[in-house]
């Protein structure tokens, strides 16, 4: 039987097949914990997550209440609600001298190889458009985008209407070198596992504040990466989730 691409991927990411890691070489330095911000980019400070009050919800209640939601109320998210969702899905609790970040979600070897891009449609205090979450600084970087960015991303997501109708869509971008530096080829497995951790935290946090999400893996990779200015190789969209009020 001819080996499928999926079978080849699993075989070639087994330990026996792996290359020597850049970390083990001692020559290549660890990649930065966060991508740099282009000079002149507008930065927006977010509320302190520790000061944000959210409704109490038992974990079992959140797990049982969570369901995929594709239609949302027209209500805006507040900036505090958005900050809370960013914190539960990628919030930085501490930065060690290694350096590494301890976050609200697990990641293989604390590599935390994602950047969170936001397509904002309805968030109080923010203009519609594209933003990147600077998790270490707890700020948003306002990214350059044309007025049709929401439609462009919707098109790249196979015209799924929940993108346009969401209050905000989370797009997680994998920065491969952050994971590859330690785990080489096997790191691609970990990227996909880590994406699941992040999205599940988002789902539970959304449930707590009266929102629903729709996790999305159906998108045109080349088209979406091009819209966001990603090369699709060293950086690429790995997962999305739309968010809105119930």
C-alpha atoms as a PDB file:
ATOM      1  CA  UNK A   1       0.000   0.000   0.000  1.00  0.00           C
ATOM      2  CA  UNK A   2       1.279   3.465  -0.897  1.00  0.00           C
ATOM      3  CA  UNK A   3       2.046   5.564   2.162  1.00  0.00           C
ATOM      4  CA  UNK A   4      -0.316   8.518   2.496  1.00  0.00           C
ATOM      5  CA  UNK A   5       0.892  12.029   3.298  1.00  0.00           C
ATOM      6  CA  UNK A   6      -0.624  11.738   6.764  1.00  0.00           C
ATOM      7  CA  UNK A   7       1.127   8.440   7.438  1.00  0.00           C
ATOM      8  CA  UNK A   8       4.408   9.863   6.177  1.00  0.00           C
ATOM      9  CA  UNK A   9       4.026  12.885   8.470  1.00  0.00           C
ATOM     10  CA  UNK A  10       3.520  10.667  11.527  1.00  0.00           C
ATOM     11  CA  UNK A  11       6.461   8.429  10.586  1.00  0.00           C
ATOM     12  CA  UNK A  12       8.853  11.259   9.823  1.00  0.00           C
ATOM     13  CA  UNK A  13       8.067  13.074  13.064  1.00  0.00           C
ATOM     14  CA  UNK A  14       8.925  10.026  15.166  1.00  0.00           C
ATOM     15  CA  UNK A  15      12.077  10.373  17.282  1.00  0.00           C
ATOM     16  CA  UNK A  16      14.099   8.005  15.083  1.00  0.00           C
ATOM     17  CA  UNK A  17      13.664  10.342  12.106  1.00  0.00           C
ATOM     18  CA  UNK A  18      14.464  13.672  13.753  1.00  0.00           C
ATOM     19  CA  UNK A  19      17.266  16.051  12.819  1.00  0.00           C
ATOM     20  CA  UNK A  20      19.665  17.473  15.373  1.00  0.00           C
ATOM     21  CA  UNK A  21      18.038  20.432  17.067  1.00  0.00           C
ATOM     22  CA  UNK A  22      19.397  23.981  16.782  1.00  0.00           C
ATOM     23  CA  UNK A  23      19.197  24.212  20.571  1.00  0.00           C
ATOM     24  CA  UNK A  24      21.448  21.183  21.028  1.00  0.00           C
ATOM     25  CA  UNK A  25      24.061  22.664  18.686  1.00  0.00           C
ATOM     26  CA  UNK A  26      24.670  25.507  21.120  1.00  0.00           C
ATOM     27  CA  UNK A  27      25.355  27.780  18.162  1.00  0.00           C
ATOM     28  CA  UNK A  28      21.923  29.069  17.156  1.00  0.00           C
ATOM     29  CA  UNK A  29      20.381  31.320  19.813  1.00  0.00           C
ATOM     30  CA  UNK A  30      16.860  30.874  21.056  1.00  0.00           C
ATOM     31  CA  UNK A  31      14.299  32.765  18.944  1.00  0.00           C
ATOM     32  CA  UNK A  32      12.648  35.788  20.562  1.00  0.00           C
ATOM     33  CA  UNK A  33       9.614  35.125  22.772  1.00  0.00           C
ATOM     34  CA  UNK A  34       7.558  37.518  20.679  1.00  0.00           C
ATOM     35  CA  UNK A  35       7.744  38.965  17.188  1.00  0.00           C
ATOM     36  CA  UNK A  36       9.004  42.555  17.042  1.00  0.00           C
ATOM     37  CA  UNK A  37       6.660  45.451  16.445  1.00  0.00           C
ATOM     38  CA  UNK A  38       7.190  47.617  13.383  1.00  0.00           C
ATOM     39  CA  UNK A  39       8.373  51.096  14.432  1.00  0.00           C
ATOM     40  CA  UNK A  40       5.565  53.620  14.393  1.00  0.00           C
ATOM     41  CA  UNK A  41       2.844  51.027  15.019  1.00  0.00           C
ATOM     42  CA  UNK A  42       0.004  52.293  17.203  1.00  0.00           C
ATOM     43  CA  UNK A  43       0.060  50.476  20.561  1.00  0.00           C
ATOM     44  CA  UNK A  44      -3.040  50.237  22.723  1.00  0.00           C
ATOM     45  CA  UNK A  45      -2.710  49.415  26.418  1.00  0.00           C
ATOM     46  CA  UNK A  46      -5.227  46.904  27.728  1.00  0.00           C
ATOM     47  CA  UNK A  47      -6.786  46.744  31.201  1.00  0.00           C
ATOM     48  CA  UNK A  48      -4.957  44.757  33.854  1.00  0.00           C
ATOM     49  CA  UNK A  49      -6.452  41.242  33.672  1.00  0.00           C
ATOM     50  CA  UNK A  50      -6.130  40.872  37.450  1.00  0.00           C
ATOM     51  CA  UNK A  51      -8.543  43.782  37.908  1.00  0.00           C
ATOM     52  CA  UNK A  52     -11.223  42.479  35.521  1.00  0.00           C
ATOM     53  CA  UNK A  53     -14.315  41.137  37.266  1.00  0.00           C
ATOM     54  CA  UNK A  54     -16.082  38.251  35.528  1.00  0.00           C
ATOM     55  CA  UNK A  55     -19.114  36.211  36.590  1.00  0.00           C
ATOM     56  CA  UNK A  56     -18.354  33.213  38.740  1.00  0.00           C
ATOM     57  CA  UNK A  57     -18.886  29.965  36.858  1.00  0.00           C
ATOM     58  CA  UNK A  58     -18.197  26.423  37.999  1.00  0.00           C
ATOM     59  CA  UNK A  59     -15.844  24.577  35.633  1.00  0.00           C
ATOM     60  CA  UNK A  60     -18.349  21.774  35.131  1.00  0.00           C
ATOM     61  CA  UNK A  61     -21.023  24.333  34.235  1.00  0.00           C
ATOM     62  CA  UNK A  62     -18.707  25.903  31.664  1.00  0.00           C
ATOM     63  CA  UNK A  63     -17.809  22.537  30.134  1.00  0.00           C
ATOM     64  CA  UNK A  64     -21.422  21.404  29.957  1.00  0.00           C
ATOM     65  CA  UNK A  65     -22.658  24.748  28.614  1.00  0.00           C
ATOM     66  CA  UNK A  66     -20.033  25.143  25.914  1.00  0.00           C
ATOM     67  CA  UNK A  67     -21.195  24.566  22.357  1.00  0.00           C
ATOM     68  CA  UNK A  68     -20.142  25.800  18.946  1.00  0.00           C
ATOM     69  CA  UNK A  69     -21.971  29.002  18.047  1.00  0.00           C
ATOM     70  CA  UNK A  70     -22.032  30.465  14.545  1.00  0.00           C
ATOM     71  CA  UNK A  71     -24.619  33.231  14.984  1.00  0.00           C
ATOM     72  CA  UNK A  72     -24.127  36.100  17.410  1.00  0.00           C
ATOM     73  CA  UNK A  73     -26.045  38.975  18.900  1.00  0.00           C
ATOM     74  CA  UNK A  74     -25.305  42.425  17.498  1.00  0.00           C
ATOM     75  CA  UNK A  75     -23.937  43.485  20.895  1.00  0.00           C
ATOM     76  CA  UNK A  76     -20.356  44.738  21.118  1.00  0.00           C
ATOM     77  CA  UNK A  77     -17.728  43.149  23.320  1.00  0.00           C
ATOM     78  CA  UNK A  78     -16.239  45.499  25.875  1.00  0.00           C
ATOM     79  CA  UNK A  79     -12.506  46.054  25.932  1.00  0.00           C
ATOM     80  CA  UNK A  80     -12.419  44.304  29.320  1.00  0.00           C
ATOM     81  CA  UNK A  81     -14.184  41.247  27.897  1.00  0.00           C
ATOM     82  CA  UNK A  82     -11.747  41.097  24.989  1.00  0.00           C
ATOM     83  CA  UNK A  83      -8.799  41.457  27.368  1.00  0.00           C
ATOM     84  CA  UNK A  84     -10.130  38.621  29.499  1.00  0.00           C
ATOM     85  CA  UNK A  85     -10.422  36.342  26.470  1.00  0.00           C
ATOM     86  CA  UNK A  86      -6.892  37.220  25.387  1.00  0.00           C
ATOM     87  CA  UNK A  87      -5.641  36.512  28.885  1.00  0.00           C
ATOM     88  CA  UNK A  88      -7.328  33.108  29.251  1.00  0.00           C
ATOM     89  CA  UNK A  89      -6.061  32.017  25.835  1.00  0.00           C
ATOM     90  CA  UNK A  90      -2.502  33.435  25.818  1.00  0.00           C
ATOM     91  CA  UNK A  91      -2.010  35.471  28.994  1.00  0.00           C
ATOM     92  CA  UNK A  92       1.525  35.699  30.387  1.00  0.00           C
ATOM     93  CA  UNK A  93       1.783  34.949  34.097  1.00  0.00           C
ATOM     94  CA  UNK A  94       5.548  35.358  34.340  1.00  0.00           C
ATOM     95  CA  UNK A  95       8.737  35.607  32.290  1.00  0.00           C
ATOM     96  CA  UNK A  96      11.682  33.529  33.472  1.00  0.00           C
ATOM     97  CA  UNK A  97      15.389  34.194  33.025  1.00  0.00           C
ATOM     98  CA  UNK A  98      15.697  31.236  30.623  1.00  0.00           C
ATOM     99  CA  UNK A  99      13.975  33.191  29.001  1.00  0.00           C
ATOM    100  CA  UNK A 100      10.545  31.634  28.672  1.00  0.00           C
ATOM    101  CA  UNK A 101       6.986  32.589  29.457  1.00  0.00           C
ATOM    102  CA  UNK A 102       4.591  30.823  31.798  1.00  0.00           C
ATOM    103  CA  UNK A 103       1.122  31.349  30.381  1.00  0.00           C
ATOM    104  CA  UNK A 104      -2.485  30.469  31.076  1.00  0.00           C
ATOM    105  CA  UNK A 105      -2.248  27.602  28.569  1.00  0.00           C
ATOM    106  CA  UNK A 106       0.236  24.722  28.336  1.00  0.00           C
ATOM    107  CA  UNK A 107       2.784  24.534  25.544  1.00  0.00           C
ATOM    108  CA  UNK A 108       5.440  21.971  24.705  1.00  0.00           C
ATOM    109  CA  UNK A 109       8.597  23.032  26.515  1.00  0.00           C
ATOM    110  CA  UNK A 110       7.022  26.437  27.209  1.00  0.00           C
ATOM    111  CA  UNK A 111       7.767  27.346  23.590  1.00  0.00           C
ATOM    112  CA  UNK A 112       4.460  29.226  23.137  1.00  0.00           C
ATOM    113  CA  UNK A 113       4.949  29.514  19.406  1.00  0.00           C
ATOM    114  CA  UNK A 114       1.786  31.463  18.559  1.00  0.00           C
ATOM    115  CA  UNK A 115       1.018  35.081  17.824  1.00  0.00           C
ATOM    116  CA  UNK A 116      -2.631  36.086  18.249  1.00  0.00           C
ATOM    117  CA  UNK A 117      -4.079  38.198  15.456  1.00  0.00           C
ATOM    118  CA  UNK A 118      -7.515  39.739  15.977  1.00  0.00           C
ATOM    119  CA  UNK A 119     -10.035  40.706  13.337  1.00  0.00           C
ATOM    120  CA  UNK A 120     -12.101  43.224  15.251  1.00  0.00           C
ATOM    121  CA  UNK A 121     -15.619  43.943  14.044  1.00  0.00           C
ATOM    122  CA  UNK A 122     -17.444  45.066  17.195  1.00  0.00           C
ATOM    123  CA  UNK A 123     -15.382  45.898  20.275  1.00  0.00           C
ATOM    124  CA  UNK A 124     -16.068  49.045  22.271  1.00  0.00           C
ATOM    125  CA  UNK A 125     -13.191  51.506  22.086  1.00  0.00           C
ATOM    126  CA  UNK A 126     -11.491  49.831  19.104  1.00  0.00           C
ATOM    127  CA  UNK A 127     -11.845  50.733  15.466  1.00  0.00           C
ATOM    128  CA  UNK A 128     -12.745  47.775  13.245  1.00  0.00           C
ATOM    129  CA  UNK A 129      -9.632  46.250  11.739  1.00  0.00           C
ATOM    130  CA  UNK A 130      -6.649  44.045  12.414  1.00  0.00           C
ATOM    131  CA  UNK A 131      -4.644  43.883  15.644  1.00  0.00           C
ATOM    132  CA  UNK A 132      -1.894  41.739  17.178  1.00  0.00           C
ATOM    133  CA  UNK A 133      -1.878  40.864  20.851  1.00  0.00           C
ATOM    134  CA  UNK A 134       1.423  41.591  22.560  1.00  0.00           C
ATOM    135  CA  UNK A 135       1.010  39.082  25.352  1.00  0.00           C
ATOM    136  CA  UNK A 136       4.097  40.022  27.371  1.00  0.00           C
ATOM    137  CA  UNK A 137       3.233  43.730  27.400  1.00  0.00           C
ATOM    138  CA  UNK A 138      -0.568  43.200  27.543  1.00  0.00           C
ATOM    139  CA  UNK A 139      -1.089  45.571  24.630  1.00  0.00           C
ATOM    140  CA  UNK A 140      -2.572  45.537  21.157  1.00  0.00           C
ATOM    141  CA  UNK A 141      -0.612  46.556  18.082  1.00  0.00           C
ATOM    142  CA  UNK A 142      -2.884  48.083  15.434  1.00  0.00           C
ATOM    143  CA  UNK A 143      -1.895  46.491  12.120  1.00  0.00           C
ATOM    144  CA  UNK A 144      -2.184  48.122   8.730  1.00  0.00           C
ATOM    145  CA  UNK A 145      -5.117  46.706   6.795  1.00  0.00           C
ATOM    146  CA  UNK A 146      -7.477  47.932   4.117  1.00  0.00           C
ATOM    147  CA  UNK A 147     -11.158  48.634   4.729  1.00  0.00           C
ATOM    148  CA  UNK A 148     -12.127  45.281   3.206  1.00  0.00           C
ATOM    149  CA  UNK A 149     -10.080  43.156   5.611  1.00  0.00           C
ATOM    150  CA  UNK A 150     -13.138  41.511   7.179  1.00  0.00           C
ATOM    151  CA  UNK A 151     -14.461  40.488   3.768  1.00  0.00           C
ATOM    152  CA  UNK A 152     -11.006  39.301   2.667  1.00  0.00           C
ATOM    153  CA  UNK A 153     -10.620  37.062   5.701  1.00  0.00           C
ATOM    154  CA  UNK A 154     -14.181  35.772   5.321  1.00  0.00           C
ATOM    155  CA  UNK A 155     -13.432  34.871   1.703  1.00  0.00           C
ATOM    156  CA  UNK A 156     -10.257  33.046   2.721  1.00  0.00           C
ATOM    157  CA  UNK A 157     -12.337  31.148   5.291  1.00  0.00           C
ATOM    158  CA  UNK A 158     -14.477  29.699   2.495  1.00  0.00           C
ATOM    159  CA  UNK A 159     -17.113  32.432   2.933  1.00  0.00           C
ATOM    160  CA  UNK A 160     -18.189  31.236   6.366  1.00  0.00           C
ATOM    161  CA  UNK A 161     -20.493  34.029   7.508  1.00  0.00           C
ATOM    162  CA  UNK A 162     -19.614  33.775  11.215  1.00  0.00           C
ATOM    163  CA  UNK A 163     -16.352  35.607  10.482  1.00  0.00           C
ATOM    164  CA  UNK A 164     -18.179  38.683   9.205  1.00  0.00           C
ATOM    165  CA  UNK A 165     -20.859  38.437  11.892  1.00  0.00           C
ATOM    166  CA  UNK A 166     -18.511  37.902  14.841  1.00  0.00           C
ATOM    167  CA  UNK A 167     -17.592  40.590  17.311  1.00  0.00           C
ATOM    168  CA  UNK A 168     -13.998  39.449  16.942  1.00  0.00           C
ATOM    169  CA  UNK A 169     -12.184  36.587  15.254  1.00  0.00           C
ATOM    170  CA  UNK A 170      -9.046  35.134  16.820  1.00  0.00           C
ATOM    171  CA  UNK A 171      -6.423  33.953  14.320  1.00  0.00           C
ATOM    172  CA  UNK A 172      -3.484  32.026  15.782  1.00  0.00           C
ATOM    173  CA  UNK A 173      -0.295  32.296  13.759  1.00  0.00           C
ATOM    174  CA  UNK A 174       2.367  29.644  14.244  1.00  0.00           C
ATOM    175  CA  UNK A 175       5.940  30.963  14.376  1.00  0.00           C
ATOM    176  CA  UNK A 176       7.733  27.776  13.417  1.00  0.00           C
ATOM    177  CA  UNK A 177      11.273  28.647  14.532  1.00  0.00           C
ATOM    178  CA  UNK A 178      10.145  29.042  18.147  1.00  0.00           C
ATOM    179  CA  UNK A 179       9.095  25.402  18.274  1.00  0.00           C
ATOM    180  CA  UNK A 180      11.569  23.962  15.731  1.00  0.00           C
ATOM    181  CA  UNK A 181      14.555  25.358  17.661  1.00  0.00           C
ATOM    182  CA  UNK A 182      14.045  22.696  20.341  1.00  0.00           C
ATOM    183  CA  UNK A 183      11.863  19.989  18.813  1.00  0.00           C
ATOM    184  CA  UNK A 184      12.768  20.105  15.089  1.00  0.00           C
ATOM    185  CA  UNK A 185      10.357  18.066  12.926  1.00  0.00           C
ATOM    186  CA  UNK A 186       8.379  16.733  15.870  1.00  0.00           C
ATOM    187  CA  UNK A 187       7.576  20.319  16.774  1.00  0.00           C
ATOM    188  CA  UNK A 188       4.975  20.428  14.001  1.00  0.00           C
ATOM    189  CA  UNK A 189       2.951  17.904  15.991  1.00  0.00           C
ATOM    190  CA  UNK A 190       3.239  20.090  19.059  1.00  0.00           C
ATOM    191  CA  UNK A 191       2.074  23.185  17.206  1.00  0.00           C
ATOM    192  CA  UNK A 192      -1.227  21.504  16.414  1.00  0.00           C
ATOM    193  CA  UNK A 193      -1.599  20.125  19.931  1.00  0.00           C
ATOM    194  CA  UNK A 194      -0.897  23.540  21.433  1.00  0.00           C
ATOM    195  CA  UNK A 195      -3.518  25.141  19.195  1.00  0.00           C
ATOM    196  CA  UNK A 196      -6.121  22.865  20.749  1.00  0.00           C
ATOM    197  CA  UNK A 197      -5.130  23.951  24.266  1.00  0.00           C
ATOM    198  CA  UNK A 198      -5.459  27.610  23.330  1.00  0.00           C
ATOM    199  CA  UNK A 199      -8.840  27.308  21.646  1.00  0.00           C
ATOM    200  CA  UNK A 200     -10.335  25.250  24.484  1.00  0.00           C
ATOM    201  CA  UNK A 201      -9.347  27.917  26.984  1.00  0.00           C
ATOM    202  CA  UNK A 202     -10.957  30.527  24.757  1.00  0.00           C
ATOM    203  CA  UNK A 203     -14.153  28.483  24.596  1.00  0.00           C
ATOM    204  CA  UNK A 204     -14.403  28.163  28.378  1.00  0.00           C
ATOM    205  CA  UNK A 205     -13.570  31.821  28.994  1.00  0.00           C
ATOM    206  CA  UNK A 206     -16.161  32.870  26.423  1.00  0.00           C
ATOM    207  CA  UNK A 207     -18.796  30.739  28.109  1.00  0.00           C
ATOM    208  CA  UNK A 208     -18.074  32.487  31.378  1.00  0.00           C
ATOM    209  CA  UNK A 209     -18.847  35.954  29.957  1.00  0.00           C
ATOM    210  CA  UNK A 210     -21.920  35.052  27.921  1.00  0.00           C
ATOM    211  CA  UNK A 211     -20.198  34.538  24.594  1.00  0.00           C
ATOM    212  CA  UNK A 212     -19.920  31.646  22.202  1.00  0.00           C
ATOM    213  CA  UNK A 213     -17.178  30.668  19.791  1.00  0.00           C
ATOM    214  CA  UNK A 214     -16.827  28.718  16.583  1.00  0.00           C
ATOM    215  CA  UNK A 215     -13.436  27.002  16.201  1.00  0.00           C
ATOM    216  CA  UNK A 216     -12.421  26.921  12.547  1.00  0.00           C
ATOM    217  CA  UNK A 217      -9.904  24.824  10.655  1.00  0.00           C
ATOM    218  CA  UNK A 218     -11.630  25.135   7.272  1.00  0.00           C
ATOM    219  CA  UNK A 219      -9.814  27.867   5.384  1.00  0.00           C
ATOM    220  CA  UNK A 220      -7.758  28.340   2.259  1.00  0.00           C
ATOM    221  CA  UNK A 221      -4.240  28.299   3.705  1.00  0.00           C
ATOM    222  CA  UNK A 222      -2.502  30.139   0.869  1.00  0.00           C
ATOM    223  CA  UNK A 223      -5.209  32.773   0.568  1.00  0.00           C
ATOM    224  CA  UNK A 224      -5.458  33.491   4.294  1.00  0.00           C
ATOM    225  CA  UNK A 225      -1.704  33.634   4.789  1.00  0.00           C
ATOM    226  CA  UNK A 226      -1.429  36.031   1.857  1.00  0.00           C
ATOM    227  CA  UNK A 227      -4.138  38.290   3.310  1.00  0.00           C
ATOM    228  CA  UNK A 228      -2.163  38.498   6.565  1.00  0.00           C
ATOM    229  CA  UNK A 229       1.220  38.912   4.870  1.00  0.00           C
ATOM    230  CA  UNK A 230       2.567  35.545   6.045  1.00  0.00           C
ATOM    231  CA  UNK A 231       4.911  33.371   4.017  1.00  0.00           C
ATOM    232  CA  UNK A 232       2.984  30.169   4.806  1.00  0.00           C
ATOM    233  CA  UNK A 233       6.198  28.335   5.693  1.00  0.00           C
ATOM    234  CA  UNK A 234       7.956  30.009   8.606  1.00  0.00           C
ATOM    235  CA  UNK A 235       4.744  31.674   9.763  1.00  0.00           C
ATOM    236  CA  UNK A 236       1.226  30.505   8.976  1.00  0.00           C
ATOM    237  CA  UNK A 237      -2.307  30.519  10.345  1.00  0.00           C
ATOM    238  CA  UNK A 238      -2.878  27.269  12.201  1.00  0.00           C
ATOM    239  CA  UNK A 239      -6.367  27.787  13.689  1.00  0.00           C
ATOM    240  CA  UNK A 240      -9.135  30.380  14.074  1.00  0.00           C
ATOM    241  CA  UNK A 241     -12.140  31.008  16.280  1.00  0.00           C
ATOM    242  CA  UNK A 242     -14.962  33.482  15.881  1.00  0.00           C
ATOM    243  CA  UNK A 243     -16.398  35.038  19.052  1.00  0.00           C
ATOM    244  CA  UNK A 244     -19.589  36.914  19.811  1.00  0.00           C
ATOM    245  CA  UNK A 245     -22.288  37.485  22.378  1.00  0.00           C
ATOM    246  CA  UNK A 246     -25.024  34.886  22.578  1.00  0.00           C
END
